[in-house]
Amino acid sequence: MQQQLLRRRACSTVLVLLAAAATSAAAKDAEIQITPNMKMQVKQLSMDDLPKPSNPYAGKAYAGCEGGYCTSADAELEAQFWRAAGKGKAKAVKKLLANEALNITRNIVPDSEGFARVVDVAVWTASANGHVDVMKVLLKHPGVKDLYKYEDGHTLDLAAMAGHKAMVQLLLQEEMPVGPSAMAHAAHYNHSDIMGLLVSKPMDLKAAMQAISGGGNPKMASVIIQALKMSEAANAEENAKRQTRHDFMAEYVQIAATKGNVEVLRQLLADYDIPWTAAQHLVKSAAENGNRDVFHLIMSAKSIQQDQEELEEAVGSALKVAAETGQEAIADYLIQKHPNEAKQHCKPVVFRAFKYGHFNIADAMTEELCSVDKQGAKLKEAEWLGKLAVAAREGDAAAAKELLQNPDSNKLVAKLQHRMVSIMSALCAATGSGLGKLSRAPLH
């Protein structure tokens, strides 16, 4: 178990942050013709449209404890109500709703901390768990649907995230509010069937495209991309007046490249030339991802291929990333496709490959492109570090202990990058060797 933990800690983790994007223009709704038989309602969001951390029902009439927070008259009755909704017991929910002692409109949290009524918990729980029969009972209860006139679509968002198609269908049929983020939630979790239900509803196109870029269905991606193009064309005059504009396409390409979403990336690049300002960052992301097809698409950008300096920088950056992360497919690609440029970076790349324990990459470079004195002092040090890194990744405590017998081990480990020091620290803790102090050695 400990070795498995070490291996998991040693693996690099790609963090993809999907944040809802909004334009700086004033909010403007539009209807876009996607195909001859399909229209899409598009809502462009301004920063003022984004949710604020306040009571969404402020200034609006709602029932329950004279419109505010109060203590429960029967906490156990409310708990029974929530449990029944969470377990999908529609008959029990109906019976509890008929009990006059149950105040479903009571706000269960202090007003200063938010707003959630007793019935909200049941509705949201039913939606998140896909309990359609329970939701039918709740929405048929007198006055409940009216409570959600001002909701931002949270109930439907929960069903879209969880992939409950039948629940989404019911909520749409009952005309429950659909928020602009519903499509993005469905796309983020790759629920294509639900995306199909929401395609004609108002949406935040940019948030949806961000989510799809991270791993969505290519067919739905083509619909959203087409809608983005039409929205861009419809707002061309207004956009031309802006002094600066954020390049959202570069952001979508970055997400798709990082996640290895080849088909969506191919669609994004069909009508988009990566600018030189974004090219080098994208090359590094694609190299770290390790997908050869993704890397080829990024490297094929005109901004890289038509500028020799950009190409040389891209090859060097990618080789160094491959040497650190062990992406052999990327190193092989560059050695085959760009040998002249790769040769310029041979020695530093070989050194990094040794240092991080990716010896196959070092061998490929020296066999194909250049000769390196493997008996040199610096490369010997790097080789020792690389062997220790391999021991850490594989959870081989015995090999690590043997290597750490080197009297210069403290000095050598201090030369590692911070992320490798963390691996060493974890390994030392696992071996019980008392060498955790290595992780606190000064970094060079």
Protein backbone atom coordinates (compact mmCIF):
# COMPACT_ATOMS: atom_id res chain seq x y z
CA MET A 1 0.00 0.00 0.00
CA GLN A 2 2.84 2.39 0.90
CA GLN A 3 4.52 1.78 -2.45
CA GLN A 4 1.26 2.51 -4.27
CA LEU A 5 0.95 5.76 -2.32
CA LEU A 6 4.48 6.74 -3.31
CA ARG A 7 3.78 6.04 -6.95
CA ARG A 8 0.65 8.18 -6.84
CA ARG A 9 2.54 11.00 -5.20
CA ALA A 10 5.25 10.76 -7.82
CA CYS A 11 2.87 11.08 -10.77
CA SER A 12 2.45 14.59 -12.13
CA THR A 13 -1.08 15.95 -11.85
CA VAL A 14 -2.66 18.26 -14.41
CA LEU A 15 -4.99 20.73 -12.83
CA VAL A 16 -7.54 22.19 -15.16
CA LEU A 17 -9.45 25.16 -13.79
CA LEU A 18 -12.66 25.71 -15.65
CA ALA A 19 -13.84 29.22 -14.69
CA ALA A 20 -16.99 30.81 -16.13
CA ALA A 21 -15.91 33.42 -18.70
CA ALA A 22 -17.83 36.65 -19.16
CA THR A 23 -17.52 39.51 -21.67
CA SER A 24 -17.09 43.06 -20.54
CA ALA A 25 -19.91 44.23 -22.81
CA ALA A 26 -23.41 44.84 -21.54
CA ALA A 27 -25.65 41.78 -21.28
CA LYS A 28 -27.27 41.01 -24.59
CA ASP A 29 -29.47 38.06 -25.53
CA ALA A 30 -29.64 36.74 -29.06
CA GLU A 31 -31.13 33.87 -31.03
CA ILE A 32 -28.71 32.12 -33.37
CA GLN A 33 -29.63 29.77 -36.20
CA ILE A 34 -27.27 26.79 -35.82
CA THR A 35 -28.76 24.56 -38.51
CA PRO A 36 -31.87 24.92 -40.69
CA ASN A 37 -33.84 23.13 -37.96
CA MET A 38 -32.07 24.28 -34.83
CA LYS A 39 -31.90 27.62 -33.04
CA MET A 40 -29.90 28.49 -29.95
CA GLN A 41 -30.63 31.11 -27.34
CA VAL A 42 -27.38 32.84 -26.41
CA LYS A 43 -26.90 35.04 -23.38
CA GLN A 44 -23.78 37.17 -23.28
CA LEU A 45 -22.78 37.84 -19.69
CA SER A 46 -21.20 40.94 -18.29
CA MET A 47 -19.35 41.02 -14.99
CA ASP A 48 -22.44 42.54 -13.40
CA ASP A 49 -24.42 39.43 -14.32
CA LEU A 50 -22.23 37.08 -12.28
CA PRO A 51 -23.75 35.74 -9.04
CA LYS A 52 -23.16 37.83 -5.95
CA PRO A 53 -22.74 36.34 -2.46
CA SER A 54 -26.07 37.61 -1.22
CA ASN A 55 -29.65 36.48 -0.67
CA PRO A 56 -31.15 35.91 -4.16
CA TYR A 57 -34.60 36.55 -2.72
CA ALA A 58 -33.71 39.93 -1.24
CA GLY A 59 -36.55 42.39 -1.73
CA LYS A 60 -38.92 39.70 -2.93
CA ALA A 61 -41.85 38.29 -1.04
CA TYR A 62 -41.44 34.79 0.26
CA ALA A 63 -43.05 32.91 3.06
CA GLY A 64 -41.65 31.35 6.21
CA CYS A 65 -40.99 32.83 9.64
CA GLU A 66 -42.07 36.25 8.43
CA GLY A 67 -39.52 36.19 5.63
CA GLY A 68 -36.39 35.33 7.55
CA TYR A 69 -34.42 32.84 9.60
CA CYS A 70 -36.01 31.16 12.60
CA THR A 71 -35.49 28.04 14.63
CA SER A 72 -37.28 24.85 13.67
CA ALA A 73 -40.53 23.95 15.35
CA ASP A 74 -39.87 20.24 14.66
CA ALA A 75 -36.30 19.43 13.63
CA GLU A 76 -36.95 15.68 13.49
CA LEU A 77 -39.87 16.18 11.10
CA GLU A 78 -37.66 18.18 8.75
CA ALA A 79 -34.94 15.53 8.95
CA GLN A 80 -37.48 12.84 7.99
CA PHE A 81 -38.53 14.98 5.04
CA TRP A 82 -34.95 15.34 3.80
CA ARG A 83 -34.13 11.67 4.30
CA ALA A 84 -37.22 10.61 2.36
CA ALA A 85 -36.33 12.94 -0.52
CA GLY A 86 -32.71 11.73 -0.54
CA LYS A 87 -33.73 8.07 -0.62
CA GLY A 88 -36.32 8.54 -3.37
CA LYS A 89 -39.34 7.70 -1.20
CA ALA A 90 -42.04 9.63 -3.03
CA LYS A 91 -44.97 8.35 -0.94
CA ALA A 92 -43.24 9.34 2.31
CA VAL A 93 -42.47 12.80 0.90
CA LYS A 94 -46.10 13.29 -0.10
CA LYS A 95 -47.29 12.24 3.36
CA LEU A 96 -44.86 14.59 5.09
CA LEU A 97 -45.88 17.51 2.86
CA ALA A 98 -49.44 17.02 4.05
CA ASN A 99 -48.34 17.44 7.66
CA GLU A 100 -49.15 21.01 8.69
CA ALA A 101 -46.40 20.91 11.30
CA LEU A 102 -43.80 20.89 8.50
CA ASN A 103 -42.87 24.46 7.57
CA ILE A 104 -41.26 23.94 4.16
CA THR A 105 -40.52 27.65 3.63
CA ARG A 106 -38.47 28.14 6.79
CA ASN A 107 -35.02 29.54 6.08
CA ILE A 108 -32.65 27.05 7.71
CA VAL A 109 -29.54 29.27 7.82
CA PRO A 110 -29.06 32.75 9.29
CA ASP A 111 -29.89 35.46 6.77
CA SER A 112 -26.34 36.87 6.96
CA GLU A 113 -24.91 33.53 5.86
CA GLY A 114 -27.12 32.74 2.88
CA PHE A 115 -30.55 31.46 2.05
CA ALA A 116 -31.91 27.91 1.91
CA ARG A 117 -35.39 26.79 2.84
CA VAL A 118 -36.50 23.43 4.13
CA VAL A 119 -38.04 22.59 0.76
CA ASP A 120 -34.86 23.66 -1.08
CA VAL A 121 -32.88 20.90 0.58
CA ALA A 122 -35.43 18.33 -0.54
CA VAL A 123 -35.65 19.70 -4.10
CA TRP A 124 -31.88 19.92 -4.55
CA THR A 125 -31.32 16.48 -3.04
CA ALA A 126 -33.94 14.93 -5.33
CA SER A 127 -32.43 16.64 -8.36
CA ALA A 128 -28.85 15.65 -7.56
CA ASN A 129 -29.88 12.02 -7.01
CA GLY A 130 -32.23 11.78 -9.99
CA HIS A 131 -35.33 10.93 -7.95
CA VAL A 132 -37.90 11.91 -10.57
CA ASP A 133 -40.96 10.64 -8.67
CA VAL A 134 -39.97 12.66 -5.61
CA MET A 135 -39.50 15.78 -7.74
CA LYS A 136 -42.94 15.33 -9.28
CA VAL A 137 -44.49 15.20 -5.82
CA LEU A 138 -42.57 18.27 -4.67
CA LEU A 139 -43.44 20.39 -7.70
CA LYS A 140 -47.13 19.43 -7.53
CA HIS A 141 -47.39 20.59 -3.93
CA PRO A 142 -49.26 23.92 -3.80
CA GLY A 143 -47.01 26.93 -4.01
CA VAL A 144 -43.71 25.09 -4.40
CA LYS A 145 -43.09 25.93 -8.07
CA ASP A 146 -43.76 29.60 -7.34
CA LEU A 147 -40.90 29.56 -4.85
CA TYR A 148 -38.44 29.04 -7.72
CA LYS A 149 -39.42 31.94 -9.95
CA TYR A 150 -36.27 33.80 -8.93
CA GLU A 151 -33.89 30.83 -8.77
CA ASP A 152 -30.77 31.03 -10.95
CA GLY A 153 -31.17 27.48 -12.25
CA HIS A 154 -29.35 25.70 -9.42
CA THR A 155 -31.88 22.85 -9.29
CA LEU A 156 -31.39 21.99 -12.96
CA ASP A 157 -27.63 22.51 -12.68
CA LEU A 158 -27.44 19.71 -10.11
CA ALA A 159 -29.23 17.28 -12.42
CA ALA A 160 -27.10 18.32 -15.39
CA MET A 161 -23.88 17.77 -13.44
CA ALA A 162 -24.98 14.35 -12.22
CA GLY A 163 -26.14 13.22 -15.68
CA HIS A 164 -29.78 12.59 -14.77
CA LYS A 165 -31.42 12.98 -18.16
CA ALA A 166 -34.95 12.11 -16.99
CA MET A 167 -34.68 14.70 -14.22
CA VAL A 168 -33.52 17.39 -16.64
CA GLN A 169 -36.41 16.51 -18.96
CA LEU A 170 -38.89 16.83 -16.09
CA LEU A 171 -37.49 20.17 -14.93
CA LEU A 172 -37.64 21.55 -18.47
CA GLN A 173 -41.20 20.27 -18.85
CA GLU A 174 -42.16 21.95 -15.58
CA GLU A 175 -40.52 25.17 -16.80
CA MET A 176 -38.10 25.34 -13.92
CA PRO A 177 -35.44 28.05 -14.42
CA VAL A 178 -32.48 27.21 -16.66
CA GLY A 179 -29.32 29.08 -15.73
CA PRO A 180 -26.60 30.07 -18.23
CA SER A 181 -24.21 27.58 -16.62
CA ALA A 182 -26.33 24.45 -17.17
CA MET A 183 -24.75 23.61 -20.52
CA ALA A 184 -21.26 24.10 -19.09
CA HIS A 185 -22.03 21.72 -16.22
CA ALA A 186 -23.31 19.06 -18.62
CA ALA A 187 -20.30 19.56 -20.89
CA HIS A 188 -17.80 19.40 -18.03
CA TYR A 189 -19.05 15.93 -17.09
CA ASN A 190 -19.48 14.95 -20.76
CA HIS A 191 -23.22 14.28 -20.59
CA SER A 192 -23.90 14.64 -24.32
CA ASP A 193 -27.56 13.58 -24.09
CA ILE A 194 -28.26 16.36 -21.60
CA MET A 195 -26.33 18.86 -23.70
CA GLY A 196 -28.69 18.00 -26.52
CA LEU A 197 -31.66 18.90 -24.32
CA LEU A 198 -30.11 22.24 -23.37
CA VAL A 199 -28.83 23.38 -26.76
CA SER A 200 -31.87 25.58 -27.39
CA LYS A 201 -31.76 27.16 -23.93
CA PRO A 202 -29.95 30.35 -22.90
CA MET A 203 -26.33 29.62 -22.09
CA ASP A 204 -22.95 31.12 -21.38
CA LEU A 205 -21.20 30.09 -24.59
CA LYS A 206 -17.71 30.77 -23.29
CA ALA A 207 -18.17 28.67 -20.14
CA ALA A 208 -19.66 25.86 -22.24
CA MET A 209 -16.73 25.96 -24.67
CA GLN A 210 -14.24 25.89 -21.80
CA ALA A 211 -15.92 22.78 -20.43
CA ILE A 212 -16.12 21.04 -23.82
CA SER A 213 -12.47 21.81 -24.52
CA GLY A 214 -11.59 19.86 -21.41
CA GLY A 215 -13.08 16.63 -22.72
CA GLY A 216 -16.51 17.13 -24.22
CA ASN A 217 -18.17 15.38 -27.11
CA PRO A 218 -16.68 16.56 -30.46
CA LYS A 219 -20.12 16.73 -32.09
CA MET A 220 -21.40 19.08 -29.41
CA ALA A 221 -18.14 21.02 -29.64
CA SER A 222 -18.84 21.72 -33.31
CA VAL A 223 -22.26 23.15 -32.38
CA ILE A 224 -20.82 25.44 -29.71
CA ILE A 225 -17.92 26.53 -31.93
CA GLN A 226 -20.38 27.41 -34.68
CA ALA A 227 -22.48 29.38 -32.20
CA LEU A 228 -19.38 31.23 -31.00
CA LYS A 229 -18.52 32.21 -34.58
CA MET A 230 -22.03 33.50 -35.19
CA SER A 231 -22.04 35.39 -31.91
CA GLU A 232 -18.67 36.92 -32.81
CA ALA A 233 -20.01 37.98 -36.21
CA ALA A 234 -23.16 39.43 -34.68
CA ASN A 235 -21.08 41.55 -32.28
CA ALA A 236 -18.26 42.43 -34.69
CA GLU A 237 -19.02 46.15 -34.75
CA GLU A 238 -19.17 46.39 -30.97
CA ASN A 239 -16.02 44.30 -30.53
CA ALA A 240 -14.11 46.49 -32.99
CA LYS A 241 -14.54 49.46 -30.65
CA ARG A 242 -12.71 47.77 -27.79
CA GLN A 243 -9.12 48.78 -27.22
CA THR A 244 -8.15 45.37 -25.82
CA ARG A 245 -9.76 41.96 -26.14
CA HIS A 246 -9.11 38.70 -24.35
CA ASP A 247 -8.17 35.84 -26.70
CA PHE A 248 -10.66 33.22 -25.55
CA MET A 249 -9.74 30.87 -28.40
CA ALA A 250 -6.21 30.60 -27.04
CA GLU A 251 -7.75 29.70 -23.69
CA TYR A 252 -9.87 26.93 -25.24
CA VAL A 253 -6.86 25.59 -27.15
CA GLN A 254 -4.83 25.61 -23.92
CA ILE A 255 -7.49 23.54 -22.12
CA ALA A 256 -7.86 21.05 -24.97
CA ALA A 257 -4.08 20.66 -25.30
CA THR A 258 -3.59 20.17 -21.57
CA LYS A 259 -6.35 17.56 -21.39
CA GLY A 260 -5.31 15.78 -24.58
CA ASN A 261 -8.66 16.37 -26.28
CA VAL A 262 -7.42 15.80 -29.84
CA GLU A 263 -10.68 16.00 -31.81
CA VAL A 264 -11.89 19.19 -30.16
CA LEU A 265 -8.43 20.71 -30.50
CA ARG A 266 -8.44 19.90 -34.23
CA GLN A 267 -11.78 21.71 -34.62
CA LEU A 268 -10.55 24.74 -32.68
CA LEU A 269 -7.42 25.05 -34.82
CA ALA A 270 -9.28 24.64 -38.12
CA ASP A 271 -9.98 28.39 -38.31
CA TYR A 272 -7.58 29.73 -35.71
CA ASP A 273 -3.88 30.53 -35.98
CA ILE A 274 -2.10 30.37 -32.63
CA PRO A 275 -0.49 33.78 -32.00
CA TRP A 276 3.20 33.89 -31.11
CA THR A 277 2.29 35.33 -27.71
CA ALA A 278 0.58 32.04 -26.78
CA ALA A 279 2.59 29.55 -28.83
CA GLN A 280 5.45 28.76 -26.43
CA HIS A 281 3.17 28.25 -23.44
CA LEU A 282 0.98 25.90 -25.48
CA VAL A 283 4.03 23.93 -26.65
CA LYS A 284 5.07 23.31 -23.04
CA SER A 285 1.55 22.24 -22.05
CA ALA A 286 1.29 19.85 -24.98
CA ALA A 287 4.74 18.41 -24.25
CA GLU A 288 3.85 17.77 -20.63
CA ASN A 289 0.58 16.11 -21.67
CA GLY A 290 2.60 13.68 -23.78
CA ASN A 291 -0.01 13.07 -26.47
CA ARG A 292 1.87 12.98 -29.78
CA ASP A 293 -1.18 13.98 -31.86
CA VAL A 294 -1.89 16.98 -29.64
CA PHE A 295 1.75 18.02 -29.75
CA HIS A 296 1.83 17.76 -33.54
CA LEU A 297 -1.23 20.02 -33.87
CA ILE A 298 0.38 22.68 -31.68
CA MET A 299 3.79 22.45 -33.36
CA SER A 300 2.13 22.82 -36.77
CA ALA A 301 1.02 26.37 -35.97
CA LYS A 302 2.15 28.95 -38.52
CA SER A 303 3.52 31.19 -35.77
CA ILE A 304 6.01 28.41 -34.94
CA GLN A 305 6.75 26.86 -38.32
CA GLN A 306 7.22 30.14 -40.20
CA ASP A 307 9.60 31.71 -37.68
CA GLN A 308 12.92 29.91 -37.18
CA GLU A 309 13.61 31.52 -33.81
CA GLU A 310 10.17 30.50 -32.53
CA LEU A 311 10.71 26.96 -33.83
CA GLU A 312 14.10 26.65 -32.15
CA GLU A 313 12.69 27.94 -28.87
CA ALA A 314 9.69 25.62 -29.11
CA VAL A 315 11.84 22.55 -29.75
CA GLY A 316 14.17 23.40 -26.88
CA SER A 317 11.36 24.07 -24.41
CA ALA A 318 9.51 20.89 -25.35
CA LEU A 319 12.63 18.73 -25.09
CA LYS A 320 13.39 20.07 -21.62
CA VAL A 321 9.82 19.37 -20.48
CA ALA A 322 10.01 15.86 -21.97
CA ALA A 323 13.32 15.24 -20.20
CA GLU A 324 11.85 16.28 -16.85
CA THR A 325 8.52 14.46 -17.19
CA GLY A 326 9.64 11.39 -19.12
CA GLN A 327 7.47 11.97 -22.19
CA GLU A 328 9.39 9.75 -24.58
CA ALA A 329 6.85 10.15 -27.39
CA ILE A 330 7.48 13.90 -27.45
CA ALA A 331 11.26 13.49 -27.46
CA ASP A 332 11.07 10.93 -30.28
CA TYR A 333 8.80 13.24 -32.30
CA LEU A 334 11.24 16.14 -32.04
CA ILE A 335 14.27 13.99 -32.81
CA GLN A 336 12.54 12.69 -35.95
CA LYS A 337 10.81 15.86 -37.15
CA HIS A 338 13.25 18.58 -36.06
CA PRO A 339 16.70 17.00 -35.65
CA ASN A 340 18.66 20.17 -36.47
CA GLU A 341 16.83 22.26 -33.89
CA ALA A 342 16.89 19.42 -31.33
CA LYS A 343 20.65 19.03 -31.70
CA GLN A 344 21.19 22.60 -30.51
CA HIS A 345 19.73 21.66 -27.13
CA CYS A 346 21.29 18.22 -26.82
CA LYS A 347 23.58 18.61 -23.81
CA PRO A 348 21.18 20.44 -21.43
CA VAL A 349 18.39 18.01 -22.37
CA VAL A 350 20.58 14.97 -21.73
CA PHE A 351 21.61 16.44 -18.38
CA ARG A 352 17.95 16.98 -17.38
CA ALA A 353 16.99 13.50 -18.52
CA PHE A 354 19.74 12.03 -16.33
CA LYS A 355 18.80 14.27 -13.40
CA TYR A 356 15.14 13.21 -13.43
CA GLY A 357 15.82 9.55 -14.13
CA HIS A 358 14.49 9.37 -17.70
CA PHE A 359 17.47 7.57 -19.17
CA ASN A 360 15.71 6.39 -22.34
CA ILE A 361 15.37 9.99 -23.48
CA ALA A 362 19.03 10.62 -22.78
CA ASP A 363 19.99 7.51 -24.78
CA ALA A 364 17.79 8.57 -27.71
CA MET A 365 19.41 12.01 -27.81
CA THR A 366 22.97 10.69 -27.67
CA GLU A 367 22.34 7.91 -30.18
CA GLU A 368 20.73 10.18 -32.76
CA LEU A 369 22.07 13.69 -32.31
CA CYS A 370 25.15 14.20 -30.17
CA SER A 371 27.85 12.69 -28.04
CA VAL A 372 28.17 13.45 -24.34
CA ASP A 373 30.92 12.53 -21.91
CA LYS A 374 28.95 10.26 -19.57
CA GLN A 375 31.98 9.97 -17.28
CA GLY A 376 32.03 13.70 -16.56
CA ALA A 377 31.56 14.78 -12.94
CA LYS A 378 28.38 16.77 -13.54
CA LEU A 379 26.70 14.01 -15.52
CA LYS A 380 27.70 11.48 -12.87
CA GLU A 381 25.99 13.63 -10.24
CA ALA A 382 22.92 13.90 -12.45
CA GLU A 383 22.91 10.12 -12.94
CA TRP A 384 22.93 9.57 -9.16
CA LEU A 385 20.00 11.98 -8.76
CA GLY A 386 18.15 10.24 -11.57
CA LYS A 387 18.55 6.83 -9.96
CA LEU A 388 17.20 8.26 -6.69
CA ALA A 389 14.27 9.77 -8.57
CA VAL A 390 13.50 6.38 -10.14
CA ALA A 391 13.62 4.74 -6.71
CA ALA A 392 11.17 7.35 -5.39
CA ARG A 393 8.75 6.93 -8.29
CA GLU A 394 8.80 3.15 -7.96
CA GLY A 395 8.66 3.13 -4.19
CA ASP A 396 11.91 1.16 -4.01
CA ALA A 397 13.04 1.92 -0.47
CA ALA A 398 15.96 -0.52 -0.57
CA ALA A 399 17.45 1.13 -3.66
CA ALA A 400 16.96 4.58 -2.13
CA LYS A 401 18.69 3.60 1.10
CA GLU A 402 21.63 2.22 -0.80
CA LEU A 403 21.98 5.41 -2.87
CA LEU A 404 21.68 7.59 0.22
CA GLN A 405 24.77 5.99 1.69
CA ASN A 406 26.69 8.37 -0.57
CA PRO A 407 28.42 10.85 1.77
CA ASP A 408 27.50 13.71 -0.57
CA SER A 409 23.78 12.80 -0.65
CA ASN A 410 22.61 15.95 1.19
CA LYS A 411 24.49 18.20 -1.19
CA LEU A 412 23.27 16.29 -4.24
CA VAL A 413 19.60 16.19 -3.24
CA ALA A 414 19.68 19.94 -2.67
CA LYS A 415 20.18 20.35 -6.41
CA LEU A 416 16.78 18.86 -7.21
CA GLN A 417 13.78 20.94 -8.14
CA HIS A 418 11.18 21.45 -5.41
CA ARG A 419 8.71 18.88 -6.76
CA MET A 420 11.42 16.21 -6.74
CA VAL A 421 12.46 17.16 -3.21
CA SER A 422 8.86 16.50 -2.15
CA ILE A 423 9.10 13.01 -3.63
CA MET A 424 12.36 12.39 -1.81
CA SER A 425 10.82 13.55 1.45
CA ALA A 426 7.89 11.20 1.01
CA LEU A 427 10.23 8.33 0.22
CA CYS A 428 12.44 9.01 3.23
CA ALA A 429 9.39 9.14 5.50
CA ALA A 430 8.18 5.83 4.07
CA THR A 431 11.52 4.08 4.57
CA GLY A 432 11.75 5.22 8.16
CA SER A 433 15.36 6.11 7.54
CA GLY A 434 15.24 9.39 9.34
CA LEU A 435 16.37 11.23 6.24
CA GLY A 436 13.39 13.59 6.00
CA LYS A 437 15.84 16.43 6.66
CA LEU A 438 16.88 16.12 3.02
CA SER A 439 13.70 17.85 1.96
CA ARG A 440 14.79 20.91 3.92
CA ALA A 441 18.15 21.21 2.25
CA PRO A 442 18.73 24.59 0.54
CA LEU A 443 17.71 24.69 -3.11
CA HIS A 444 20.21 25.81 -5.73
